[in-house]
Every structure is written in structure tokens, then in C-alpha cells.
Amino acid sequence: MVSAFDVSATALLIVDFQADNFDDGPLPIVGSAQVLPLAKKTLAAARAAGMPIIHTKEVHRKEMVDFGRELDGTEPVHCLESWPGTDFHSDFYPRDGEFTIAKRRYSAFFATDLDLLLRGLGVKMLVIMGSLTNVCIHYTAVDAHQHDYHFFVIEDCCMGSDWEAHWAALKSMEYLQRESRLIHQEFIEALSASSQAVAASASIPS
């Protein structure tokens, strides 16, 4: 378990916390009621610490020409640009100074400028929460791994398509990077330790 973060080199990546994913949208989702208050605390802690924050939003054109193979599986049509529920959930709406990424596929890295953004920010580690654990979170974590970023997943701030898939995806991600699973309180405590370390360092006379 991480004991502290280098806040300047770590970003909180919030994957697809969109209104429909909390408000009975078209996708099958479990855990949204439990996740909502914990994720709000997590976001507040990251903001207070001054950690870079990146929000992703899956969005598809109303003509549905950019779904690719997404509709071959269980998922119905979702996240059309013309739907109000495709926008960010009001409790997670990006603030000025935070970054947004629109994506057409599951991974936040695929056909986006996320990697360029992270390199520009000097980020080497990602802390990920969002939906769905077994789809967009999993594929994003895999791509983060393949781009040589360290990652952590806040498991009690992620929502899956069902519980079995949720836990299986977390296990798969931990297979890629050991001890990469956190709960929200561990993340908040590590941020607090980081802030205390910075404050102590600043108080030492040069």
C-alpha cells in the first residue's frame, strides 16, 4: 500500500462519472449508491491537496457512426452526445484548472491526447476511479501500464456492470501491478501524509 504520494507527479483520473451512470441510465451498473459519497470525499481530498485532476467522458455522435464494435456485446446504445445524461454528474463536474478528455472507446488512452496531457503535466502515476470497473477502468489501467505509468485503482470508488465482473477486473488489474488496489480512506490518508511531509520540509531552515 502506498504511504504517501508525490502530488506533483500524480494525477487523479476520474473515468466516466457521467449523470446516466448514477441515475438509471441505459448501462447495467452496480454500486453507484455506495460509490457516490466515497468518491465525493476522494475528489474533495485531491482538490484540497492540489493534485492534478482529469475527468473523462465517453461520448458518441448522435448518428452512432463511432461505436465500432461496442454494441456487439451486452451494452445497449449509450452516451449519445444529444442526451443530457451523457454530461458529467453534477457532483463531479470539472472545475476551472481541471482537465477533460472526451473518448469514443473504452480506454481513456485510445485515440485521445491523454498521454500528451500527462507528459505535459509531468505525471508518472495515476490514481483511477470511475465506471465501469470491468470495462473503461480496466482498459484504461491496462493502457496506463503499457505506457509505463504506475497506477492505483480506488476499488470502493468504482462501479461495475455486475459484482462478479467488478471483482474479477480488480483482480486482473492487480495482476499487472502489485498492490495497485486502494480504498478511498487509504488514498485520503496517503494524501494527508504527503501534505504533512511537504509542510515539514518547508519549515526546515535552508
Protein backbone atom coordinates (compact mmCIF):
# COMPACT_ATOMS: atom_id res chain seq x y z
CA MET A 1 0.00 0.00 0.00
CA VAL A 2 1.28 3.46 -0.83
CA SER A 3 2.04 5.56 2.25
CA ALA A 4 2.29 8.94 0.51
CA PHE A 5 2.05 10.47 -2.97
CA ASP A 6 4.28 12.82 -4.88
CA VAL A 7 1.34 15.11 -5.58
CA SER A 8 3.13 16.97 -8.37
CA ALA A 9 3.73 13.72 -10.27
CA THR A 10 0.40 12.00 -9.55
CA ALA A 11 -3.00 12.66 -11.12
CA LEU A 12 -6.49 11.61 -10.11
CA LEU A 13 -8.17 10.18 -13.22
CA ILE A 14 -11.97 10.12 -12.93
CA VAL A 15 -13.35 7.86 -15.63
CA ASP A 16 -16.88 8.48 -16.90
CA PHE A 17 -18.64 9.76 -13.80
CA GLN A 18 -21.50 10.88 -16.03
CA ALA A 19 -25.07 11.57 -14.97
CA ASP A 20 -26.58 8.48 -16.60
CA ASN A 21 -24.12 6.22 -14.78
CA PHE A 22 -25.63 7.27 -11.45
CA ASP A 23 -29.22 7.92 -12.49
CA ASP A 24 -30.57 4.70 -14.01
CA GLY A 25 -29.12 5.22 -17.48
CA PRO A 26 -29.07 2.52 -20.15
CA LEU A 27 -25.99 0.65 -18.90
CA PRO A 28 -26.24 -2.09 -16.25
CA ILE A 29 -24.37 -0.75 -13.21
CA VAL A 30 -23.95 -1.92 -9.61
CA GLY A 31 -22.54 0.05 -6.72
CA SER A 32 -23.48 3.59 -7.72
CA ALA A 33 -25.27 4.43 -4.45
CA GLN A 34 -22.32 3.20 -2.38
CA VAL A 35 -19.72 4.88 -4.58
CA LEU A 36 -21.24 8.35 -4.75
CA PRO A 37 -20.43 9.63 -1.21
CA LEU A 38 -17.00 7.96 -1.12
CA ALA A 39 -15.98 9.34 -4.50
CA LYS A 40 -17.08 12.84 -3.46
CA LYS A 41 -14.78 12.64 -0.42
CA THR A 42 -11.95 11.38 -2.61
CA LEU A 43 -12.34 14.19 -5.13
CA ALA A 44 -12.50 16.79 -2.35
CA ALA A 45 -9.27 15.46 -0.84
CA ALA A 46 -7.47 15.55 -4.20
CA ARG A 47 -8.65 19.10 -4.81
CA ALA A 48 -7.52 20.21 -1.36
CA ALA A 49 -4.09 18.68 -1.94
CA GLY A 50 -3.68 20.43 -5.29
CA MET A 51 -3.35 17.15 -7.20
CA PRO A 52 -3.92 17.35 -10.98
CA ILE A 53 -7.42 16.09 -11.79
CA ILE A 54 -8.53 14.68 -15.13
CA HIS A 55 -12.15 13.83 -15.98
CA THR A 56 -13.07 11.58 -18.89
CA LYS A 57 -16.44 11.38 -20.59
CA GLU A 58 -17.48 8.71 -23.06
CA VAL A 59 -19.47 10.37 -25.81
CA HIS A 60 -20.81 9.13 -29.15
CA ARG A 61 -22.18 11.07 -32.07
CA LYS A 62 -25.93 11.02 -32.43
CA GLU A 63 -25.53 9.35 -35.83
CA MET A 64 -23.88 6.42 -33.98
CA VAL A 65 -21.06 6.19 -36.51
CA ASP A 66 -18.30 5.89 -33.89
CA PHE A 67 -19.47 2.94 -31.78
CA GLY A 68 -17.37 0.44 -33.67
CA ARG A 69 -17.79 -2.98 -32.09
CA GLU A 70 -19.08 -1.64 -28.74
CA LEU A 71 -22.64 -2.76 -29.42
CA ASP A 72 -21.65 -6.34 -30.28
CA GLY A 73 -21.73 -7.31 -26.61
CA THR A 74 -24.16 -6.73 -23.76
CA GLU A 75 -24.16 -2.94 -23.79
CA PRO A 76 -27.06 -1.08 -25.43
CA VAL A 77 -26.75 2.32 -27.10
CA HIS A 78 -25.30 4.74 -24.53
CA CYS A 79 -23.62 8.13 -24.08
CA LEU A 80 -25.01 9.85 -27.16
CA GLU A 81 -23.89 13.47 -27.40
CA SER A 82 -27.53 14.62 -27.64
CA TRP A 83 -28.51 13.04 -24.29
CA PRO A 84 -28.42 15.23 -21.15
CA GLY A 85 -27.31 12.21 -19.12
CA THR A 86 -24.09 11.96 -21.10
CA ASP A 87 -22.79 15.09 -19.35
CA PHE A 88 -20.76 14.87 -16.15
CA HIS A 89 -22.68 14.15 -12.96
CA SER A 90 -23.25 17.42 -11.10
CA ASP A 91 -21.24 16.26 -8.06
CA PHE A 92 -18.19 15.61 -10.24
CA TYR A 93 -18.37 18.49 -12.65
CA PRO A 94 -14.88 19.68 -13.63
CA ARG A 95 -13.70 22.94 -12.10
CA ASP A 96 -11.53 25.57 -13.69
CA GLY A 97 -7.97 24.26 -13.80
CA GLU A 98 -9.06 20.63 -14.10
CA PHE A 99 -8.80 18.75 -17.38
CA THR A 100 -11.33 16.89 -19.50
CA ILE A 101 -10.93 14.13 -22.06
CA ALA A 102 -13.72 13.07 -24.44
CA LYS A 103 -13.33 9.47 -25.57
CA ARG A 104 -15.04 7.31 -28.17
CA ARG A 105 -13.80 3.97 -26.86
CA TYR A 106 -13.37 2.28 -23.50
CA SER A 107 -9.76 3.20 -22.77
CA ALA A 108 -9.07 6.82 -21.89
CA PHE A 109 -5.81 6.49 -23.82
CA PHE A 110 -7.26 5.21 -27.10
CA ALA A 111 -7.40 7.95 -29.79
CA THR A 112 -7.21 10.75 -27.17
CA ASP A 113 -4.48 13.15 -26.07
CA LEU A 114 -4.35 11.77 -22.53
CA ASP A 115 -0.75 10.60 -22.81
CA LEU A 116 0.33 14.00 -24.13
CA LEU A 117 -1.51 15.72 -21.29
CA LEU A 118 0.08 13.52 -18.64
CA ARG A 119 3.56 14.08 -20.06
CA GLY A 120 2.95 17.83 -20.17
CA LEU A 121 1.89 17.76 -16.52
CA GLY A 122 4.89 15.66 -15.51
CA VAL A 123 2.62 12.89 -14.23
CA LYS A 124 4.13 9.45 -13.69
CA MET A 125 1.41 7.87 -11.56
CA LEU A 126 -2.36 7.64 -11.99
CA VAL A 127 -4.96 7.09 -9.30
CA ILE A 128 -8.12 5.90 -11.04
CA MET A 129 -11.77 5.79 -10.04
CA GLY A 130 -14.97 5.72 -12.09
CA SER A 131 -17.09 3.39 -14.19
CA LEU A 132 -17.28 0.69 -15.32
CA THR A 133 -14.68 -1.28 -13.35
CA ASN A 134 -14.62 -4.19 -15.78
CA VAL A 135 -14.74 -2.07 -18.94
CA CYS A 136 -13.43 1.50 -19.09
CA ILE A 137 -11.47 1.34 -15.81
CA HIS A 138 -9.86 -1.99 -16.71
CA TYR A 139 -8.92 -0.99 -20.26
CA THR A 140 -7.60 2.38 -19.11
CA ALA A 141 -5.45 0.72 -16.43
CA VAL A 142 -4.08 -1.75 -18.97
CA ASP A 143 -3.12 1.08 -21.31
CA ALA A 144 -1.60 3.07 -18.43
CA HIS A 145 0.51 0.00 -17.65
CA GLN A 146 1.56 -0.37 -21.29
CA HIS A 147 2.50 3.32 -21.41
CA ASP A 148 4.73 2.71 -18.34
CA TYR A 149 2.66 4.67 -15.84
CA HIS A 150 2.26 3.40 -12.29
CA PHE A 151 -1.41 3.16 -11.37
CA PHE A 152 -3.67 2.65 -8.39
CA VAL A 153 -7.39 1.88 -8.54
CA ILE A 154 -9.67 3.07 -5.73
CA GLU A 155 -11.85 0.00 -5.62
CA ASP A 156 -14.66 1.36 -3.45
CA CYS A 157 -14.98 4.32 -5.84
CA CYS A 158 -15.54 2.13 -8.91
CA MET A 159 -18.81 0.76 -10.29
CA GLY A 160 -19.08 -2.41 -12.36
CA SER A 161 -21.60 -3.97 -14.69
CA ASP A 162 -22.14 -6.64 -12.02
CA TRP A 163 -20.32 -7.61 -8.84
CA GLU A 164 -18.61 -10.68 -10.24
CA ALA A 165 -17.17 -8.67 -13.14
CA HIS A 166 -16.20 -5.81 -10.79
CA TRP A 167 -14.11 -8.03 -8.51
CA ALA A 168 -12.62 -10.01 -11.39
CA ALA A 169 -11.46 -6.80 -13.08
CA LEU A 170 -9.82 -5.56 -9.88
CA LYS A 171 -8.00 -8.87 -9.56
CA SER A 172 -6.84 -8.61 -13.18
CA MET A 173 -5.51 -5.09 -12.66
CA GLU A 174 -3.63 -6.11 -9.53
CA TYR A 175 -2.05 -8.90 -11.59
CA LEU A 176 -0.47 -6.19 -13.76
CA GLN A 177 0.84 -4.07 -10.89
CA ARG A 178 1.19 -5.48 -7.39
CA GLU A 179 -0.65 -3.73 -4.56
CA SER A 180 -2.39 -1.40 -7.00
CA ARG A 181 -5.75 -1.57 -5.22
CA LEU A 182 -6.72 1.07 -2.66
CA ILE A 183 -9.82 2.01 -0.75
CA HIS A 184 -10.76 5.67 -0.58
CA GLN A 185 -9.64 6.14 3.03
CA GLU A 186 -6.16 4.83 2.20
CA PHE A 187 -5.92 7.36 -0.62
CA ILE A 188 -7.03 10.22 1.64
CA GLU A 189 -4.59 9.19 4.39
CA ALA A 190 -1.72 8.99 1.89
CA LEU A 191 -2.58 12.48 0.65
CA SER A 192 -2.59 13.75 4.22
CA ALA A 193 0.83 12.19 4.83
CA SER A 194 2.12 13.84 1.66
CA SER A 195 0.85 17.25 2.76
CA GLN A 196 2.43 16.86 6.19
CA ALA A 197 5.76 15.88 4.64
CA VAL A 198 5.71 18.92 2.37
CA ALA A 199 4.82 21.22 5.28
CA ALA A 200 7.61 19.75 7.43
CA SER A 201 10.12 20.20 4.62
CA ALA A 202 9.09 23.81 4.11
CA SER A 203 9.58 24.59 7.81
CA ILE A 204 13.22 23.44 7.82
CA PRO A 205 15.56 26.45 7.55
CA SER A 206 17.69 26.43 4.41
